[in-house]
Amino acid sequence: MNKAELVSAIAEKSGQPNSAVSAVLDAFESVVTSEVASGGKVALTGFLTFERADRAARTGRNPATGQEIQIPAAKVPKVKIGKSFKDAVS
């Protein structure tokens, strides 16, 4: 399911117009992105938790040449799946 299909499905279930659902989804994405980028955490209990994680520097290997390379430390987004979501999928 892509974003347009998600918007249509939510609009159908909620009875809201596609434009309103799309605006809310865009706002949700913006708020979650800015909160996680600033080091915060967004938790939708039982569903998903979005947070930022630190990935340590490490040594990797160039697959084309086999030469060792240094991969720098990075801050990466992390998503944890909630229990009720896991249970529904299982």
Protein backbone atom coordinates (compact mmCIF):
# COMPACT_ATOMS: atom_id res chain seq x y z
CA MET A 1 0.00 0.00 0.00
CA ASN A 2 1.44 3.35 -1.00
CA LYS A 3 0.59 6.76 0.49
CA ALA A 4 -2.28 7.50 -1.92
CA GLU A 5 -3.87 4.12 -1.18
CA LEU A 6 -3.43 4.69 2.56
CA VAL A 7 -5.09 8.11 2.31
CA SER A 8 -8.01 6.61 0.37
CA ALA A 9 -8.44 3.75 2.86
CA ILE A 10 -8.40 6.09 5.86
CA ALA A 11 -10.80 8.49 4.14
CA GLU A 12 -13.21 5.64 3.42
CA LYS A 13 -13.11 4.32 7.01
CA SER A 14 -13.37 7.76 8.62
CA GLY A 15 -15.82 9.39 6.22
CA GLN A 16 -13.43 12.33 5.74
CA PRO A 17 -12.41 13.74 2.36
CA ASN A 18 -9.08 12.57 0.88
CA SER A 19 -7.68 16.11 1.08
CA ALA A 20 -8.28 16.33 4.84
CA VAL A 21 -6.77 12.89 5.46
CA SER A 22 -3.76 13.75 3.31
CA ALA A 23 -3.21 17.00 5.25
CA VAL A 24 -3.38 15.16 8.59
CA LEU A 25 -1.00 12.45 7.36
CA ASP A 26 1.47 15.10 6.12
CA ALA A 27 1.25 16.91 9.48
CA PHE A 28 1.81 13.63 11.36
CA GLU A 29 4.90 12.89 9.26
CA SER A 30 6.26 16.40 9.83
CA VAL A 31 5.71 16.32 13.61
CA VAL A 32 7.24 12.85 14.04
CA THR A 33 10.24 13.75 11.86
CA SER A 34 11.00 16.98 13.71
CA GLU A 35 10.54 15.42 17.16
CA VAL A 36 12.80 12.44 16.41
CA ALA A 37 15.39 14.67 14.68
CA SER A 38 15.60 16.80 17.83
CA GLY A 39 16.24 13.69 19.96
CA GLY A 40 12.69 13.16 21.20
CA LYS A 41 10.52 10.09 21.14
CA VAL A 42 7.00 9.61 19.76
CA ALA A 43 5.08 6.66 21.22
CA LEU A 44 1.75 5.38 19.96
CA THR A 45 1.22 2.84 22.74
CA GLY A 46 0.63 -0.66 21.44
CA PHE A 47 1.35 0.36 17.84
CA LEU A 48 4.70 2.05 17.11
CA THR A 49 7.42 4.03 18.84
CA PHE A 50 9.68 6.35 16.87
CA GLU A 51 13.02 7.45 18.32
CA ARG A 52 16.59 8.34 17.41
CA ALA A 53 19.45 5.91 17.99
CA ASP A 54 23.21 6.33 17.85
CA ARG A 55 25.12 3.98 15.58
CA ALA A 56 28.78 3.59 16.55
CA ALA A 57 31.64 4.00 14.10
CA ARG A 58 32.78 0.72 12.66
CA THR A 59 35.03 -0.90 10.10
CA GLY A 60 33.36 -2.12 6.92
CA ARG A 61 34.48 -3.58 3.65
CA ASN A 62 34.09 -2.23 0.13
CA PRO A 63 32.26 -5.06 -1.68
CA ALA A 64 33.83 -4.20 -5.04
CA THR A 65 37.47 -4.15 -3.92
CA GLY A 66 37.45 -5.94 -0.57
CA GLN A 67 39.33 -2.99 0.95
CA GLU A 68 38.54 -2.11 4.57
CA ILE A 69 36.89 1.27 5.10
CA GLN A 70 35.89 3.26 8.18
CA ILE A 71 32.17 3.90 8.49
CA PRO A 72 31.55 6.99 10.67
CA ALA A 73 29.18 7.14 13.64
CA ALA A 74 25.66 8.26 12.77
CA LYS A 75 22.33 9.15 14.31
CA VAL A 76 19.61 6.99 12.75
CA PRO A 77 15.82 6.73 13.12
CA LYS A 78 14.55 3.69 14.99
CA VAL A 79 11.04 2.24 14.99
CA LYS A 80 9.84 -0.27 17.60
CA ILE A 81 6.72 -2.31 16.99
CA GLY A 82 4.13 -2.38 19.78
CA LYS A 83 2.73 -5.54 21.33
CA SER A 84 -0.83 -5.21 20.05
CA PHE A 85 0.45 -4.62 16.50
CA LYS A 86 2.74 -7.67 16.74
CA ASP A 87 -0.11 -9.78 18.10
CA ALA A 88 -2.47 -8.68 15.30
CA VAL A 89 0.08 -9.65 12.62
CA SER A 90 0.98 -13.00 14.18
